[in-house]
Protein backbone atom coordinates (compact mmCIF):
# COMPACT_ATOMS: atom_id res chain seq x y z
CA MET A 1 187.69 6.48 197.04
CA PHE A 2 184.10 7.42 197.83
CA THR A 3 184.82 11.07 197.07
CA LYS A 4 186.35 10.16 193.71
CA MET A 5 183.32 8.08 192.75
CA LYS A 6 181.03 10.91 193.81
CA ASN A 7 182.97 13.32 191.59
CA ILE A 8 182.72 10.86 188.69
CA ASP A 9 178.97 10.52 189.26
CA THR A 10 178.58 14.31 189.35
CA ALA A 11 180.65 14.69 186.18
CA PHE A 12 178.55 12.00 184.48
CA LYS A 13 175.36 13.87 185.41
CA TYR A 14 176.81 17.08 183.96
CA VAL A 15 177.83 15.30 180.75
CA ARG A 16 174.43 13.60 180.51
CA GLY A 17 172.64 16.89 181.09
CA PHE A 18 174.80 18.71 178.52
CA THR A 19 174.30 15.88 176.00
CA LEU A 20 170.53 15.99 176.55
CA LEU A 21 170.55 19.76 176.06
CA VAL A 22 172.50 19.40 172.81
CA ILE A 23 170.07 16.73 171.57
CA ILE A 24 167.07 18.96 172.39
CA CYS A 25 168.68 21.93 170.62
CA CYS A 26 169.42 19.78 167.57
CA ALA A 27 165.83 18.51 167.55
CA VAL A 28 164.49 22.08 167.74
CA ILE A 29 166.80 23.22 164.94
CA CYS A 30 165.80 20.24 162.78
CA CYS A 31 162.08 20.88 163.35
CA TYR A 32 162.53 24.57 162.52
CA THR A 33 164.52 23.73 159.38
CA VAL A 34 161.93 21.21 158.19
CA SER A 35 159.10 23.66 158.89
CA ARG A 36 160.82 26.47 156.98
CA SER A 37 161.59 24.10 154.12
CA PHE A 38 157.92 23.12 153.81
CA GLN A 39 156.92 26.79 153.83
CA THR A 40 159.48 27.60 151.14
CA VAL A 41 158.35 24.70 148.95
CA SER A 42 154.72 25.75 149.42
CA ARG A 43 155.55 29.30 148.32
CA MET A 44 157.53 28.02 145.36
CA GLN A 45 154.56 25.93 144.22
CA ASP A 46 152.53 29.13 143.94
CA LYS A 47 155.02 30.53 141.43
CA ILE A 48 155.12 29.86 137.73
CA TYR A 49 158.06 30.76 135.54
CA ILE A 50 157.47 31.60 131.90
CA LEU A 51 160.29 31.62 129.40
CA ALA A 52 159.88 34.56 127.01
CA ALA A 53 162.55 35.86 124.66
CA GLY A 54 165.21 33.92 126.54
CA LYS A 55 164.24 35.42 129.91
CA ALA A 56 162.51 33.69 132.82
CA LEU A 57 159.53 35.72 133.94
CA GLU A 58 157.83 34.97 137.23
CA ALA A 59 154.05 34.56 137.33
CA TYR A 60 151.85 33.85 140.31
CA ALA A 61 149.11 31.22 140.56
CA SER A 62 145.81 32.40 141.99
CA ASP A 63 142.13 31.55 141.97
CA ARG A 64 140.33 32.55 138.77
CA LYS A 65 137.77 34.57 140.70
CA ASP A 66 140.54 37.01 141.64
CA ASN A 67 141.25 37.64 137.94
CA VAL A 68 137.73 37.57 136.46
CA PRO A 69 137.43 41.35 135.92
CA VAL A 70 140.87 41.57 134.29
CA GLU A 71 140.36 38.53 132.06
CA ALA A 72 136.83 39.61 131.16
CA ARG A 73 137.94 43.09 130.08
CA ASP A 74 140.78 41.67 128.02
CA HIS A 75 138.42 39.16 126.39
CA ILE A 76 136.05 41.98 125.39
CA LYS A 77 138.89 44.15 124.09
CA THR A 78 140.30 41.27 122.07
CA PHE A 79 136.91 40.56 120.48
CA HIS A 80 136.42 44.21 119.52
CA GLN A 81 139.93 44.48 118.10
CA PHE A 82 139.37 41.48 115.83
CA PHE A 83 135.76 42.26 114.89
CA PHE A 84 136.19 45.95 114.12
CA THR A 85 139.74 46.14 112.75
CA LEU A 86 139.42 45.82 108.98
CA ASP A 87 141.65 46.34 105.96
CA PRO A 88 140.83 46.23 102.24
CA ASP A 89 141.81 42.58 101.99
CA ASP A 90 139.26 39.77 101.92
CA LYS A 91 141.67 37.30 103.56
CA VAL A 92 142.51 39.69 106.39
CA ILE A 93 138.83 40.41 107.02
CA LYS A 94 137.94 36.70 107.15
CA THR A 95 140.88 35.93 109.44
CA HIS A 96 139.99 38.70 111.91
CA VAL A 97 136.27 37.94 111.91
CA THR A 98 136.89 34.20 112.36
CA LYS A 99 139.06 34.88 115.42
CA ALA A 100 136.41 37.23 116.79
CA LEU A 101 133.56 34.74 116.31
CA TYR A 102 135.39 32.17 118.44
CA LEU A 103 134.91 34.62 121.31
CA ALA A 104 131.17 35.27 120.88
CA ASP A 105 127.91 33.45 120.17
CA GLU A 106 125.45 33.71 117.27
CA SER A 107 124.50 37.28 118.19
CA ALA A 108 127.85 38.47 116.80
CA LYS A 109 127.53 36.06 113.86
CA ARG A 110 124.17 37.62 112.94
CA ILE A 111 125.73 41.09 112.90
CA TYR A 112 128.51 39.81 110.65
CA ASP A 113 126.03 38.14 108.30
CA ASP A 114 123.90 41.30 108.09
CA LEU A 115 126.95 43.48 107.31
CA LYS A 116 128.14 41.01 104.72
CA GLU A 117 124.70 40.80 103.08
CA ASN A 118 124.48 44.60 102.95
CA GLY A 119 127.83 44.79 101.16
CA PHE A 120 129.74 46.42 104.00
CA TYR A 121 132.87 44.28 103.66
CA SER A 122 132.90 44.41 99.86
CA GLY A 123 132.63 48.20 100.19
CA ILE A 124 135.70 48.20 102.45
CA ILE A 125 137.63 46.28 99.79
CA SER A 126 136.40 48.16 96.73
CA GLY A 127 136.85 51.55 98.40
CA ASN A 128 140.35 50.72 99.70
CA MET A 129 139.24 51.70 103.20
CA SER A 130 140.62 50.66 106.56
CA GLN A 131 138.89 50.61 109.91
CA THR A 132 140.60 50.72 113.29
CA ILE A 133 139.22 50.82 116.81
CA GLN A 134 140.45 52.39 120.02
CA ILE A 135 139.00 51.03 123.27
CA ASP A 136 138.40 53.83 125.76
CA SER A 137 136.98 51.77 128.64
CA VAL A 138 135.23 48.51 129.48
CA THR A 139 132.91 48.05 132.46
CA VAL A 140 132.05 44.55 133.69
CA ASP A 141 129.56 43.76 136.45
CA THR A 142 130.83 40.59 138.13
CA ARG A 143 128.24 40.66 140.91
CA ASP A 144 125.72 38.68 138.87
CA TYR A 145 126.28 35.81 136.45
CA PRO A 146 126.37 35.93 133.47
CA TYR A 147 128.48 39.08 133.70
CA ARG A 148 127.05 42.13 131.94
CA PHE A 149 129.43 44.51 130.19
CA LYS A 150 129.61 47.77 128.26
CA CYS A 151 132.44 48.76 125.96
CA PHE A 152 133.14 52.39 125.07
CA SER A 153 135.34 52.90 122.03
CA ARG A 154 136.08 55.04 118.98
CA GLN A 155 136.39 53.97 115.38
CA ASN A 156 138.55 55.48 112.68
CA ILE A 157 137.38 54.80 109.14
CA ILE A 158 140.26 55.73 106.87
CA ARG A 159 139.30 56.58 103.31
CA THR A 160 141.45 57.79 100.44
CA THR A 161 140.53 61.45 101.04
CA SER A 162 139.30 61.56 104.64
CA ILE A 163 139.27 59.99 108.11
CA LEU A 164 135.86 59.52 109.73
CA LYS A 165 135.81 59.23 113.51
CA ARG A 166 132.84 57.48 115.11
CA SER A 167 131.68 56.75 118.63
CA LEU A 168 130.94 53.08 119.31
CA ILE A 169 129.24 51.76 122.43
CA THR A 170 128.39 48.08 122.71
CA GLU A 171 126.96 45.81 125.40
CA GLY A 172 126.46 42.13 126.10
CA SER A 173 127.08 39.43 128.67
CA LEU A 174 129.79 36.89 129.38
CA ARG A 175 129.42 33.25 130.35
CA ASN A 176 132.12 30.75 131.23
CA VAL A 177 133.24 28.16 128.68
CA SER A 178 136.25 25.86 128.39
CA ARG A 179 139.57 27.49 127.62
CA SER A 180 141.20 26.69 124.29
CA ASP A 181 143.80 28.05 121.89
CA ASN A 182 141.02 29.96 120.13
CA ASN A 183 139.50 31.19 123.39
CA PRO A 184 142.25 31.44 126.03
CA HIS A 185 140.18 33.45 128.53
CA GLY A 186 137.37 30.88 128.73
CA PHE A 187 134.54 33.39 128.18
CA LEU A 188 131.84 33.62 125.51
CA ILE A 189 130.14 36.90 124.62
CA GLU A 190 126.35 36.59 124.45
CA ARG A 191 123.58 39.00 123.45
CA PHE A 192 126.09 41.28 121.75
CA ASN A 193 124.44 44.53 120.76
CA THR A 194 125.48 47.96 119.49
CA ILE A 195 123.98 50.77 121.60
CA GLU A 196 125.56 53.67 119.74
CA ASN A 197 127.52 54.09 116.52
CA ARG A 198 127.50 57.73 115.43
CA ASP A 199 129.77 60.08 113.51
CA LEU A 200 131.94 62.45 115.50
CA THR A 201 134.27 64.26 113.11
CA VAL A 202 135.61 64.07 109.57
CA GLU A 203 139.20 65.03 108.82
CA ASN A 204 140.43 65.67 105.30
CA ARG A 205 143.63 63.88 104.37
CA LYS A 206 146.37 65.84 102.72
């Protein structure tokens, strides 16, 4: 009888030990699962999905300081595209210039006013000319604020009988402003100035 009770007590200890081991393993697995779940959710929160043309495109959230050079260069390119792309249509010119002036301060507005007063835009319309711009490179110094920049580009002035190619180099600085639909990058060009604008070649049109 004593031996039987001893065997029962030993078996109970084994069962208790095994049960305790199972509970510990379950607790470890649960903790690991919860930890991995939090990590996955945290990673998912850093991802943004954009729906474009019926397709979900993944974007990544990051601090703005990591993207300042990229956004600054794109802001400068966008301004130059709007400000220097012209067609012989008064409405098109006003639309492009208006979009460009949202991205810059009064220094660009003064240049526009001077060109307008000197009959530059009316000459574009009356002469049926078009002007396009090709951005070669943009350098932005983000070490000091406001950020100084230089833009190297080429202009094509398309006339009825010829195409004039010009070199255009501009400079200025960027300061931070609030983002908006008219200024999605949140920069404003200041002290905009043309360093060089000279003729390169003239090609006759056939």
